């Protein structure tokens, strides 16, 4: 695999090519922060495949992702290319059914 440079184009390609993307600290199997763990658990509850990007794998990742998305914290969740926010927002959206509806609505577009 070619080197990943965390460019806006590379980051955009990830979210454009995947329905659900989670930029997180660690991995779903080994989360490195509680918020990333919560975000991963919310997405797992959806029963849909999702892509994770471990932003601790490269010191350039966090500043690059935050600058690109214009969102200051991690984790960051994207649904159909749209940033919905972090773990608290995702949990609220899941509990209200809004997150599940976003997935359904995105399928019909």
N, C-alpha and C. Protein backbone atom coordinates (compact mmCIF):
# COMPACT_ATOMS: atom_id res chain seq x y z
N UNK A 1 0.84 -1.18 0.00
CA UNK A 1 0.00 0.00 0.00
C UNK A 1 0.88 1.24 0.00
N UNK A 2 0.49 2.23 -0.77
CA UNK A 2 1.24 3.48 -0.82
C UNK A 2 1.15 4.20 0.52
N UNK A 3 2.11 5.05 0.78
CA UNK A 3 2.11 5.79 2.04
C UNK A 3 0.88 6.69 2.12
N UNK A 4 0.30 6.76 3.30
CA UNK A 4 -0.85 7.61 3.53
C UNK A 4 -0.35 8.93 4.09
N UNK A 5 -0.74 10.03 3.50
CA UNK A 5 -0.22 11.34 3.90
C UNK A 5 -1.21 12.19 4.68
N UNK A 6 -2.42 11.68 4.91
CA UNK A 6 -3.45 12.39 5.67
C UNK A 6 -3.86 13.68 4.97
N UNK A 7 -3.82 13.67 3.65
CA UNK A 7 -4.22 14.85 2.89
C UNK A 7 -5.75 14.95 2.87
N UNK A 8 -6.28 16.15 2.65
CA UNK A 8 -7.74 16.29 2.55
C UNK A 8 -8.33 15.37 1.48
N UNK A 9 -7.63 15.18 0.39
CA UNK A 9 -8.13 14.32 -0.68
C UNK A 9 -8.21 12.86 -0.23
N UNK A 10 -7.19 12.42 0.49
CA UNK A 10 -7.19 11.04 0.98
C UNK A 10 -8.30 10.82 2.01
N UNK A 11 -8.48 11.77 2.90
CA UNK A 11 -9.52 11.66 3.93
C UNK A 11 -10.90 11.69 3.29
N UNK A 12 -11.08 12.57 2.31
CA UNK A 12 -12.37 12.66 1.63
C UNK A 12 -12.68 11.36 0.91
N UNK A 13 -11.67 10.74 0.33
CA UNK A 13 -11.87 9.47 -0.38
C UNK A 13 -12.37 8.38 0.57
N UNK A 14 -11.84 8.35 1.78
CA UNK A 14 -12.27 7.36 2.77
C UNK A 14 -13.77 7.52 3.06
N UNK A 15 -14.20 8.75 3.34
CA UNK A 15 -15.61 8.93 3.71
C UNK A 15 -16.53 8.83 2.49
N UNK A 16 -16.02 9.15 1.31
CA UNK A 16 -16.84 9.02 0.10
C UNK A 16 -17.06 7.56 -0.29
N UNK A 17 -16.10 6.70 0.02
CA UNK A 17 -16.16 5.31 -0.42
C UNK A 17 -16.70 4.34 0.62
N UNK A 18 -17.14 4.85 1.79
CA UNK A 18 -17.64 3.99 2.86
C UNK A 18 -18.87 4.64 3.51
N UNK A 19 -19.91 3.84 3.73
CA UNK A 19 -21.15 4.35 4.33
C UNK A 19 -20.94 4.87 5.74
N UNK A 20 -20.21 4.11 6.54
CA UNK A 20 -19.95 4.47 7.93
C UNK A 20 -18.44 4.48 8.17
N UNK A 21 -17.94 5.61 8.67
CA UNK A 21 -16.51 5.73 8.96
C UNK A 21 -16.36 6.29 10.36
N UNK A 22 -15.46 5.68 11.12
CA UNK A 22 -15.14 6.13 12.47
C UNK A 22 -13.65 6.41 12.56
N UNK A 23 -13.30 7.66 12.75
CA UNK A 23 -11.92 8.05 13.06
C UNK A 23 -11.83 7.97 14.58
N UNK A 24 -10.99 7.05 15.08
CA UNK A 24 -10.97 6.78 16.52
C UNK A 24 -9.56 6.59 17.04
N UNK A 25 -9.42 6.67 18.35
CA UNK A 25 -8.16 6.37 19.02
C UNK A 25 -8.15 4.88 19.31
N UNK A 26 -7.31 4.16 18.57
CA UNK A 26 -7.24 2.71 18.72
C UNK A 26 -8.11 2.03 17.68
N UNK A 27 -8.56 0.84 18.04
CA UNK A 27 -9.39 0.02 17.16
C UNK A 27 -10.62 -0.44 17.96
N UNK A 28 -11.66 -0.93 17.27
CA UNK A 28 -12.82 -1.43 18.04
C UNK A 28 -12.43 -2.54 19.01
N UNK A 29 -11.45 -3.35 18.63
CA UNK A 29 -11.00 -4.45 19.50
C UNK A 29 -10.14 -3.94 20.66
N UNK A 30 -9.40 -2.85 20.42
CA UNK A 30 -8.54 -2.27 21.45
C UNK A 30 -8.64 -0.75 21.43
N UNK A 31 -9.78 -0.21 21.89
CA UNK A 31 -9.93 1.25 21.92
C UNK A 31 -8.95 1.86 22.91
N UNK A 32 -8.46 3.05 22.58
CA UNK A 32 -7.49 3.72 23.44
C UNK A 32 -8.08 4.90 24.20
N UNK A 33 -9.39 5.08 24.11
CA UNK A 33 -10.07 6.08 24.94
C UNK A 33 -11.53 5.70 25.07
N UNK A 34 -12.14 6.16 26.14
CA UNK A 34 -13.53 5.81 26.41
C UNK A 34 -14.51 6.33 25.37
N UNK A 35 -14.25 7.53 24.84
CA UNK A 35 -15.15 8.09 23.84
C UNK A 35 -15.08 7.29 22.54
N UNK A 36 -13.87 6.90 22.16
CA UNK A 36 -13.73 6.07 20.96
C UNK A 36 -14.41 4.72 21.16
N UNK A 37 -14.29 4.16 22.36
CA UNK A 37 -14.95 2.89 22.66
C UNK A 37 -16.45 3.05 22.54
N UNK A 38 -17.00 4.12 23.11
CA UNK A 38 -18.45 4.35 23.04
C UNK A 38 -18.90 4.50 21.59
N UNK A 39 -18.16 5.27 20.80
CA UNK A 39 -18.53 5.47 19.39
C UNK A 39 -18.53 4.15 18.64
N UNK A 40 -17.52 3.34 18.87
CA UNK A 40 -17.43 2.03 18.23
C UNK A 40 -18.60 1.14 18.64
N UNK A 41 -18.96 1.17 19.91
CA UNK A 41 -20.06 0.34 20.39
C UNK A 41 -21.39 0.77 19.78
N UNK A 42 -21.59 2.09 19.62
CA UNK A 42 -22.81 2.58 18.98
C UNK A 42 -22.89 2.05 17.56
N UNK A 43 -21.80 2.17 16.81
CA UNK A 43 -21.82 1.70 15.43
C UNK A 43 -22.01 0.20 15.35
N UNK A 44 -21.43 -0.54 16.28
CA UNK A 44 -21.62 -2.00 16.28
C UNK A 44 -23.09 -2.36 16.50
N UNK A 45 -23.82 -1.55 17.29
CA UNK A 45 -25.23 -1.81 17.54
C UNK A 45 -26.08 -1.68 16.28
N UNK A 46 -25.58 -0.94 15.29
CA UNK A 46 -26.33 -0.77 14.05
C UNK A 46 -26.37 -2.04 13.21
N UNK A 47 -25.41 -2.94 13.46
CA UNK A 47 -25.36 -4.18 12.70
C UNK A 47 -24.96 -3.98 11.25
N UNK A 48 -24.31 -2.86 10.97
CA UNK A 48 -23.86 -2.55 9.62
C UNK A 48 -22.33 -2.53 9.60
N UNK A 49 -21.72 -2.89 8.48
CA UNK A 49 -20.26 -2.79 8.42
C UNK A 49 -19.83 -1.33 8.49
N UNK A 50 -18.71 -1.10 9.17
CA UNK A 50 -18.15 0.25 9.22
C UNK A 50 -16.63 0.17 9.17
N UNK A 51 -16.04 1.26 8.71
CA UNK A 51 -14.59 1.35 8.56
C UNK A 51 -14.06 2.20 9.72
N UNK A 52 -12.96 1.76 10.30
CA UNK A 52 -12.33 2.57 11.34
C UNK A 52 -10.94 2.98 10.87
N UNK A 53 -10.54 4.15 11.33
CA UNK A 53 -9.20 4.67 11.07
C UNK A 53 -8.60 5.00 12.42
N UNK A 54 -7.51 4.33 12.76
CA UNK A 54 -6.82 4.55 14.03
C UNK A 54 -5.96 5.81 13.91
N UNK A 55 -6.42 6.90 14.51
CA UNK A 55 -5.71 8.16 14.37
C UNK A 55 -4.49 8.24 15.30
N UNK A 56 -4.23 7.20 16.06
CA UNK A 56 -3.01 7.14 16.87
C UNK A 56 -1.87 6.47 16.11
N UNK A 57 -2.16 5.99 14.90
CA UNK A 57 -1.15 5.27 14.13
C UNK A 57 -0.10 6.19 13.51
N UNK A 58 -0.35 7.50 13.51
CA UNK A 58 0.55 8.45 12.87
C UNK A 58 0.38 9.80 13.56
N UNK A 59 1.47 10.43 13.95
CA UNK A 59 1.39 11.70 14.67
C UNK A 59 0.75 12.82 13.84
N UNK A 60 0.68 12.66 12.54
CA UNK A 60 0.06 13.67 11.68
C UNK A 60 -1.45 13.52 11.62
N UNK A 61 -1.98 12.40 12.06
CA UNK A 61 -3.40 12.08 11.85
C UNK A 61 -4.35 13.05 12.54
N UNK A 62 -4.22 13.24 13.84
CA UNK A 62 -5.19 14.05 14.57
C UNK A 62 -5.26 15.48 14.02
N UNK A 63 -4.12 16.19 13.90
CA UNK A 63 -4.25 17.55 13.37
C UNK A 63 -4.77 17.59 11.94
N UNK A 64 -4.41 16.61 11.14
CA UNK A 64 -4.87 16.58 9.75
C UNK A 64 -6.37 16.33 9.67
N UNK A 65 -6.88 15.35 10.42
CA UNK A 65 -8.30 15.03 10.38
C UNK A 65 -9.11 16.19 10.96
N UNK A 66 -8.68 16.77 12.06
CA UNK A 66 -9.42 17.87 12.68
C UNK A 66 -9.46 19.10 11.77
N UNK A 67 -8.36 19.41 11.11
CA UNK A 67 -8.33 20.55 10.18
C UNK A 67 -9.24 20.28 8.98
N UNK A 68 -9.19 19.07 8.44
CA UNK A 68 -9.99 18.71 7.27
C UNK A 68 -11.48 18.75 7.58
N UNK A 69 -11.88 18.17 8.72
CA UNK A 69 -13.31 18.07 9.05
C UNK A 69 -13.85 19.33 9.73
N UNK A 70 -12.94 20.20 10.20
CA UNK A 70 -13.32 21.39 10.95
C UNK A 70 -14.10 21.01 12.21
N UNK A 71 -13.65 19.92 12.84
CA UNK A 71 -14.25 19.42 14.08
C UNK A 71 -13.09 19.17 15.03
N UNK A 72 -13.09 19.75 16.25
CA UNK A 72 -11.89 19.79 17.07
C UNK A 72 -11.54 18.54 17.87
N UNK A 73 -12.44 17.57 17.96
CA UNK A 73 -12.18 16.45 18.86
C UNK A 73 -12.30 15.11 18.15
N UNK A 74 -11.84 14.07 18.82
CA UNK A 74 -11.96 12.69 18.38
C UNK A 74 -12.79 11.96 19.42
N UNK A 75 -13.52 10.96 19.02
CA UNK A 75 -13.65 10.39 17.68
C UNK A 75 -14.56 11.24 16.79
N UNK A 76 -14.53 10.90 15.50
CA UNK A 76 -15.40 11.54 14.52
C UNK A 76 -16.10 10.45 13.71
N UNK A 77 -17.41 10.60 13.57
CA UNK A 77 -18.21 9.61 12.85
C UNK A 77 -18.82 10.25 11.61
N UNK A 78 -18.67 9.57 10.49
CA UNK A 78 -19.23 10.03 9.22
C UNK A 78 -20.25 9.00 8.74
N UNK A 79 -21.42 9.48 8.32
CA UNK A 79 -22.47 8.63 7.76
C UNK A 79 -22.77 9.15 6.36
N UNK A 80 -22.59 8.30 5.37
CA UNK A 80 -22.79 8.69 3.97
C UNK A 80 -22.03 9.97 3.65
N UNK A 81 -20.78 10.07 4.12
CA UNK A 81 -19.93 11.20 3.82
C UNK A 81 -20.17 12.44 4.66
N UNK A 82 -21.13 12.38 5.56
CA UNK A 82 -21.47 13.55 6.38
C UNK A 82 -21.00 13.34 7.81
N UNK A 83 -20.28 14.33 8.34
CA UNK A 83 -19.85 14.29 9.73
C UNK A 83 -21.05 14.48 10.63
N UNK A 84 -21.29 13.51 11.51
CA UNK A 84 -22.38 13.68 12.47
C UNK A 84 -21.86 14.14 13.82
N UNK A 85 -20.58 13.91 14.10
CA UNK A 85 -19.99 14.35 15.36
C UNK A 85 -19.25 13.23 16.05
N UNK A 86 -19.21 13.32 17.38
CA UNK A 86 -18.49 12.35 18.18
C UNK A 86 -19.40 11.34 18.85
N UNK A 87 -18.89 10.73 19.91
CA UNK A 87 -19.60 9.62 20.54
C UNK A 87 -20.89 10.05 21.23
N UNK A 88 -20.91 11.22 21.87
CA UNK A 88 -22.13 11.66 22.56
C UNK A 88 -23.26 11.90 21.57
N UNK A 89 -22.94 12.58 20.48
CA UNK A 89 -23.95 12.86 19.46
C UNK A 89 -24.43 11.55 18.83
N UNK A 90 -23.50 10.65 18.53
CA UNK A 90 -23.87 9.37 17.93
C UNK A 90 -24.79 8.58 18.85
N UNK A 91 -24.47 8.57 20.14
CA UNK A 91 -25.31 7.83 21.10
C UNK A 91 -26.71 8.44 21.17
N UNK A 92 -26.80 9.77 21.23
CA UNK A 92 -28.11 10.42 21.26
C UNK A 92 -28.90 10.11 19.99
N UNK A 93 -28.23 10.17 18.84
CA UNK A 93 -28.90 9.90 17.57
C UNK A 93 -29.35 8.44 17.49
N UNK A 94 -28.52 7.53 18.02
CA UNK A 94 -28.89 6.12 18.02
C UNK A 94 -30.12 5.89 18.91
N UNK A 95 -30.10 6.47 20.11
CA UNK A 95 -31.19 6.26 21.05
C UNK A 95 -32.51 6.84 20.52
N UNK A 96 -32.44 7.92 19.74
CA UNK A 96 -33.65 8.53 19.21
C UNK A 96 -34.10 7.87 17.91
N UNK A 97 -33.24 7.02 17.32
CA UNK A 97 -33.56 6.37 16.05
C UNK A 97 -33.11 7.18 14.83
N UNK A 98 -32.60 8.38 15.08
CA UNK A 98 -32.18 9.25 13.98
C UNK A 98 -30.99 8.67 13.20
N UNK A 99 -30.08 8.03 13.90
CA UNK A 99 -28.92 7.45 13.23
C UNK A 99 -29.34 6.31 12.29
N UNK A 100 -30.22 5.45 12.76
CA UNK A 100 -30.72 4.37 11.93
C UNK A 100 -31.46 4.93 10.71
N UNK A 101 -32.22 6.00 10.91
CA UNK A 101 -32.95 6.62 9.81
C UNK A 101 -32.00 7.22 8.78
N UNK A 102 -30.89 7.79 9.25
CA UNK A 102 -29.89 8.34 8.32
C UNK A 102 -29.37 7.26 7.38
N UNK A 103 -29.16 6.07 7.92
CA UNK A 103 -28.67 4.97 7.09
C UNK A 103 -29.73 4.57 6.06
N UNK A 104 -30.98 4.49 6.48
CA UNK A 104 -32.07 4.12 5.57
C UNK A 104 -32.24 5.20 4.50
N UNK A 105 -32.25 6.45 4.92
CA UNK A 105 -32.42 7.57 3.98
C UNK A 105 -31.29 7.62 2.97
N UNK A 106 -30.07 7.34 3.42
CA UNK A 106 -28.92 7.36 2.53
C UNK A 106 -28.96 6.28 1.49
N UNK A 107 -29.63 5.18 1.80
CA UNK A 107 -29.75 4.08 0.85
C UNK A 107 -30.68 4.44 -0.29
N UNK A 108 -31.64 5.30 -0.04
CA UNK A 108 -32.64 5.62 -1.05
C UNK A 108 -32.23 6.78 -1.94
N UNK A 109 -31.10 7.41 -1.62
CA UNK A 109 -30.65 8.55 -2.44
C UNK A 109 -29.92 8.09 -3.67
